[in-house]
Amino acid sequence: MTIHAGSAAIEVERLSKRYGHTLAVDDVSFTVAEGEVFGLLGRNGAGKSTTVDCLAGLRAPDQGRIRVAGLEPRRDRRELRQLLGVQLQESQLQDKLTVAEAMRLYASFYRRPADIDQLLAMLDLTEKRNTRYRRLSGGQKQRLSIALALIGRPRIAILDELTTGLDPVARRDSWQLIDDIRNSGVTIMLITHLMTEAERLCDRVAIMRDGRIVALGTPAALGRPTLEDAFVALTDRRVS
């Protein structure tokens, strides 16, 4: 997939968000190009989740400018919902809901949903379409959450801790899936703690610490000698 450098899918300028006395996001700026896989990295509490919540219109920033697909997330929330797919780590479905029921429910939220059968086939869930959520394996639950994020034919997808808890085979299958999604024309923001995952999938990454971006660039440019080494050096207070 060619990245269109002159066309931004996501624009964030001087974003800040405070909870009481805690400054969760502090003057953050970055852009994500159309067709790019952009990684947002950081330790727990670095500000990643708050940044994503602001991008998705779930929280109002205290200051700054955000545009996602050219829309302002809070003001244009209804329209943005048709263009943005979000898979959050905490997403949980009712135990008794089957895969097919979940897909039909989410499809009803969109004007032009994707073909459910094709999406289930793409995510290797066809044989599980009548299986209840509680009986799915961890990897199958992850694939279902991706399917639900893609059911609206989004231009942009935000995937949070996509492969946490998966075995190495399921993780590699998920990586191939990300390649397939990007090659279909979807811009992806990937939130991950796995540096090997970021190196494998991301065109560029931003590393956050204490609510600020402390490094931004390609994994190869930031890695010294590896991205994990750079991440530890930039985020571990014991080596600061």
Protein backbone atom coordinates (compact mmCIF):
# COMPACT_ATOMS: atom_id res chain seq x y z
CA MET A 1 0.00 0.00 0.00
CA THR A 2 1.34 3.40 -0.97
CA ILE A 3 1.24 6.05 1.72
CA HIS A 4 -0.10 9.37 0.44
CA ALA A 5 2.21 11.73 2.27
CA GLY A 6 0.17 14.82 1.40
CA SER A 7 -3.12 13.42 2.70
CA ALA A 8 -3.70 13.03 6.43
CA ALA A 9 -6.23 10.57 7.80
CA ILE A 10 -5.67 11.80 11.38
CA GLU A 11 -4.41 15.22 12.48
CA VAL A 12 -3.69 16.04 16.12
CA GLU A 13 -2.38 19.48 17.08
CA ARG A 14 -1.39 20.40 20.65
CA LEU A 15 -3.86 18.02 22.30
CA SER A 16 -4.12 18.27 26.09
CA LYS A 17 -6.45 16.54 28.54
CA ARG A 18 -6.50 16.81 32.33
CA TYR A 19 -8.30 14.74 34.96
CA GLY A 20 -8.37 16.85 38.12
CA HIS A 21 -4.74 17.58 38.96
CA THR A 22 -3.40 14.92 36.58
CA LEU A 23 -2.33 16.02 33.12
CA ALA A 24 -3.00 12.82 31.14
CA VAL A 25 -2.10 14.22 27.69
CA ASP A 26 0.24 17.18 27.44
CA ASP A 27 0.56 19.16 24.19
CA VAL A 28 0.58 16.16 21.85
CA SER A 29 0.83 16.61 18.07
CA PHE A 30 1.09 14.06 15.26
CA THR A 31 -0.42 13.14 11.91
CA VAL A 32 -1.27 9.78 10.37
CA ALA A 33 -1.14 9.56 6.58
CA GLU A 34 -3.79 7.77 4.57
CA GLY A 35 -2.83 4.14 4.06
CA GLU A 36 -0.36 4.15 6.95
CA VAL A 37 -0.03 1.81 9.90
CA PHE A 38 0.85 4.14 12.77
CA GLY A 39 1.86 2.76 16.15
CA LEU A 40 1.16 4.51 19.45
CA LEU A 41 3.50 3.07 22.09
CA GLY A 42 3.96 3.74 25.78
CA ARG A 43 3.85 2.18 29.21
CA ASN A 44 0.60 1.98 31.19
CA GLY A 45 -0.50 5.48 32.15
CA ALA A 46 1.48 7.17 29.38
CA GLY A 47 -1.63 8.78 27.88
CA LYS A 48 -2.35 6.43 24.99
CA SER A 49 -5.91 5.52 25.98
CA THR A 50 -6.91 9.12 26.62
CA THR A 51 -5.49 10.12 23.24
CA VAL A 52 -7.49 7.37 21.53
CA ASP A 53 -10.66 8.31 23.44
CA CYS A 54 -10.30 11.88 22.19
CA LEU A 55 -9.76 10.68 18.61
CA ALA A 56 -12.89 8.53 18.79
CA GLY A 57 -14.98 11.35 20.25
CA LEU A 58 -15.45 9.56 23.57
CA ARG A 59 -13.79 12.40 25.51
CA ALA A 60 -13.57 16.11 24.87
CA PRO A 61 -10.02 17.53 24.87
CA ASP A 62 -9.29 20.48 27.13
CA GLN A 63 -7.37 22.12 24.32
CA GLY A 64 -5.99 21.36 20.90
CA ARG A 65 -7.32 20.47 17.47
CA ILE A 66 -8.26 16.99 16.21
CA ARG A 67 -9.39 15.95 12.76
CA VAL A 68 -10.19 12.35 11.84
CA ALA A 69 -11.05 11.86 8.17
CA GLY A 70 -11.44 15.63 8.10
CA LEU A 71 -14.07 15.57 10.88
CA GLU A 72 -14.03 16.98 14.40
CA PRO A 73 -14.72 13.93 16.61
CA ARG A 74 -17.09 15.50 19.15
CA ARG A 75 -18.98 17.83 16.82
CA ASP A 76 -19.22 15.32 13.96
CA ARG A 77 -19.56 12.17 16.05
CA ARG A 78 -22.49 10.73 14.10
CA GLU A 79 -20.74 11.07 10.74
CA LEU A 80 -17.39 9.92 12.13
CA ARG A 81 -19.02 6.73 13.40
CA GLN A 82 -19.58 5.74 9.77
CA LEU A 83 -15.88 6.22 8.88
CA LEU A 84 -14.01 5.05 11.99
CA GLY A 85 -13.76 1.50 13.30
CA VAL A 86 -12.51 1.00 16.86
CA GLN A 87 -11.40 -2.24 18.52
CA LEU A 88 -10.71 -1.53 22.19
CA GLN A 89 -8.87 -3.87 24.53
CA GLU A 90 -11.69 -3.70 27.08
CA SER A 91 -14.43 -4.56 24.58
CA GLN A 92 -16.69 -7.30 25.92
CA LEU A 93 -19.82 -8.84 24.44
CA GLN A 94 -22.64 -10.63 26.22
CA ASP A 95 -21.69 -14.26 26.86
CA LYS A 96 -24.80 -15.70 25.21
CA LEU A 97 -24.51 -13.67 22.00
CA THR A 98 -23.42 -15.72 18.99
CA VAL A 99 -20.84 -14.52 16.49
CA ALA A 100 -23.51 -14.05 13.80
CA GLU A 101 -25.83 -12.19 16.21
CA ALA A 102 -23.03 -9.82 17.20
CA MET A 103 -22.20 -9.15 13.56
CA ARG A 104 -25.83 -8.44 12.65
CA LEU A 105 -26.23 -6.15 15.66
CA TYR A 106 -23.17 -4.07 14.78
CA ALA A 107 -24.07 -4.04 11.07
CA SER A 108 -27.37 -2.38 11.99
CA PHE A 109 -25.45 0.69 13.20
CA TYR A 110 -24.12 1.54 9.72
CA ARG A 111 -25.62 2.84 6.51
CA ARG A 112 -23.52 0.58 4.25
CA PRO A 113 -22.23 -2.35 6.29
CA ALA A 114 -19.79 -4.89 4.92
CA ASP A 115 -20.94 -8.33 3.84
CA ILE A 116 -21.05 -10.40 7.02
CA ASP A 117 -20.25 -13.72 5.36
CA GLN A 118 -17.22 -12.28 3.56
CA LEU A 119 -15.93 -10.66 6.74
CA LEU A 120 -16.32 -13.86 8.74
CA ALA A 121 -14.47 -15.76 6.02
CA MET A 122 -11.67 -13.17 5.96
CA LEU A 123 -11.24 -13.55 9.73
CA ASP A 124 -11.54 -17.36 9.70
CA LEU A 125 -14.73 -17.28 11.78
CA THR A 126 -17.22 -18.87 9.38
CA GLU A 127 -17.33 -22.15 11.31
CA LYS A 128 -17.89 -20.19 14.54
CA ARG A 129 -20.82 -18.09 13.30
CA ASN A 130 -23.30 -19.91 15.60
CA THR A 131 -20.91 -20.17 18.56
CA ARG A 132 -21.68 -18.14 21.67
CA TYR A 133 -19.13 -15.53 22.71
CA ARG A 134 -18.26 -17.27 25.97
CA ARG A 135 -17.17 -20.40 24.07
CA LEU A 136 -14.70 -18.62 21.79
CA SER A 137 -10.97 -18.89 22.38
CA GLY A 138 -8.93 -15.78 23.13
CA GLY A 139 -7.74 -15.56 19.54
CA GLN A 140 -11.28 -16.01 18.20
CA LYS A 141 -12.56 -13.23 20.48
CA GLN A 142 -9.81 -10.95 19.18
CA ARG A 143 -10.70 -11.74 15.56
CA LEU A 144 -14.37 -11.11 16.28
CA SER A 145 -13.56 -7.73 17.81
CA ILE A 146 -11.66 -6.85 14.64
CA ALA A 147 -14.60 -8.00 12.52
CA LEU A 148 -16.91 -5.73 14.51
CA ALA A 149 -14.49 -2.82 14.00
CA LEU A 150 -14.55 -3.45 10.24
CA ILE A 151 -18.27 -4.12 9.75
CA GLY A 152 -18.97 -0.48 8.86
CA ARG A 153 -16.38 -0.41 6.03
CA PRO A 154 -14.25 2.17 7.89
CA ARG A 155 -11.64 4.36 6.26
CA ILE A 156 -9.69 4.35 9.54
CA ALA A 157 -9.38 1.63 12.19
CA ILE A 158 -7.99 1.96 15.72
CA LEU A 159 -6.80 -1.38 17.13
CA ASP A 160 -5.88 -1.50 20.82
CA GLU A 161 -3.59 -4.28 22.14
CA LEU A 162 -4.58 -6.49 19.23
CA THR A 163 -2.53 -9.57 20.15
CA THR A 164 -2.30 -9.37 23.94
CA GLY A 165 -2.58 -12.86 25.41
CA LEU A 166 -2.35 -14.68 22.08
CA ASP A 167 0.02 -17.57 21.42
CA PRO A 168 2.79 -17.05 18.82
CA VAL A 169 0.86 -18.72 15.99
CA ALA A 170 -2.31 -16.69 16.63
CA ARG A 171 -0.19 -13.55 16.92
CA ARG A 172 1.43 -14.11 13.53
CA ASP A 173 -1.98 -14.82 12.00
CA SER A 174 -3.19 -11.48 13.41
CA TRP A 175 -0.18 -9.72 11.92
CA GLN A 176 -1.01 -11.12 8.50
CA LEU A 177 -4.58 -9.93 9.00
CA ILE A 178 -3.35 -6.38 9.66
CA ASP A 179 -1.41 -6.49 6.40
CA ASP A 180 -4.56 -7.62 4.59
CA ILE A 181 -6.67 -4.85 6.16
CA ARG A 182 -4.13 -2.16 5.26
CA ASN A 183 -3.86 -3.52 1.72
CA SER A 184 -7.64 -3.15 1.39
CA GLY A 185 -7.21 0.62 1.83
CA VAL A 186 -7.83 1.08 5.56
CA THR A 187 -5.58 3.42 7.58
CA ILE A 188 -4.65 1.80 10.92
CA MET A 189 -3.64 3.20 14.29
CA LEU A 190 -2.18 0.38 16.37
CA ILE A 191 -1.77 0.65 20.15
CA THR A 192 0.62 -2.01 21.39
CA HIS A 193 3.11 -2.93 24.11
CA LEU A 194 4.91 -5.38 21.84
CA MET A 195 7.94 -3.86 20.16
CA THR A 196 8.34 -6.80 17.77
CA GLU A 197 4.76 -6.18 16.67
CA ALA A 198 5.43 -2.48 16.08
CA GLU A 199 8.62 -3.27 14.14
CA ARG A 200 6.78 -5.82 12.01
CA LEU A 201 3.65 -3.80 11.23
CA CYS A 202 4.15 -0.07 11.65
CA ASP A 203 5.36 2.44 9.09
CA ARG A 204 5.95 4.95 11.90
CA VAL A 205 5.56 4.95 15.67
CA ALA A 206 5.11 7.57 18.37
CA ILE A 207 6.42 6.77 21.86
CA MET A 208 4.58 8.43 24.74
CA ARG A 209 5.77 9.09 28.27
CA ASP A 210 3.95 11.05 30.97
CA GLY A 211 1.40 12.36 28.50
CA ARG A 212 3.90 13.60 25.93
CA ILE A 213 5.39 12.22 22.72
CA VAL A 214 9.09 11.70 23.36
CA ALA A 215 10.00 10.14 20.00
CA LEU A 216 8.35 9.83 16.59
CA GLY A 217 9.67 8.15 13.44
CA THR A 218 10.10 4.85 11.67
CA PRO A 219 10.94 1.83 13.84
CA ALA A 220 14.26 1.50 12.02
CA ALA A 221 15.18 5.14 12.63
CA LEU A 222 14.27 5.05 16.33
CA GLY A 223 15.73 1.63 17.12
CA ARG A 224 19.10 1.71 18.88
CA PRO A 225 19.93 -1.06 18.27
CA THR A 226 16.32 -2.28 18.48
CA LEU A 227 13.01 -0.51 19.01
CA GLU A 228 12.69 -2.24 22.38
CA ASP A 229 16.03 -0.79 23.49
CA ALA A 230 14.92 2.67 22.42
CA PHE A 231 11.56 2.24 24.16
CA VAL A 232 13.19 1.25 27.46
CA ALA A 233 15.68 4.12 27.27
CA LEU A 234 12.92 6.64 26.60
CA THR A 235 10.28 5.41 29.05
CA ASP A 236 12.05 3.78 32.02
CA ARG A 237 12.62 6.39 34.73
CA ARG A 238 15.42 4.27 36.18
CA VAL A 239 17.54 4.90 33.07
CA SER A 240 16.58 8.57 32.65
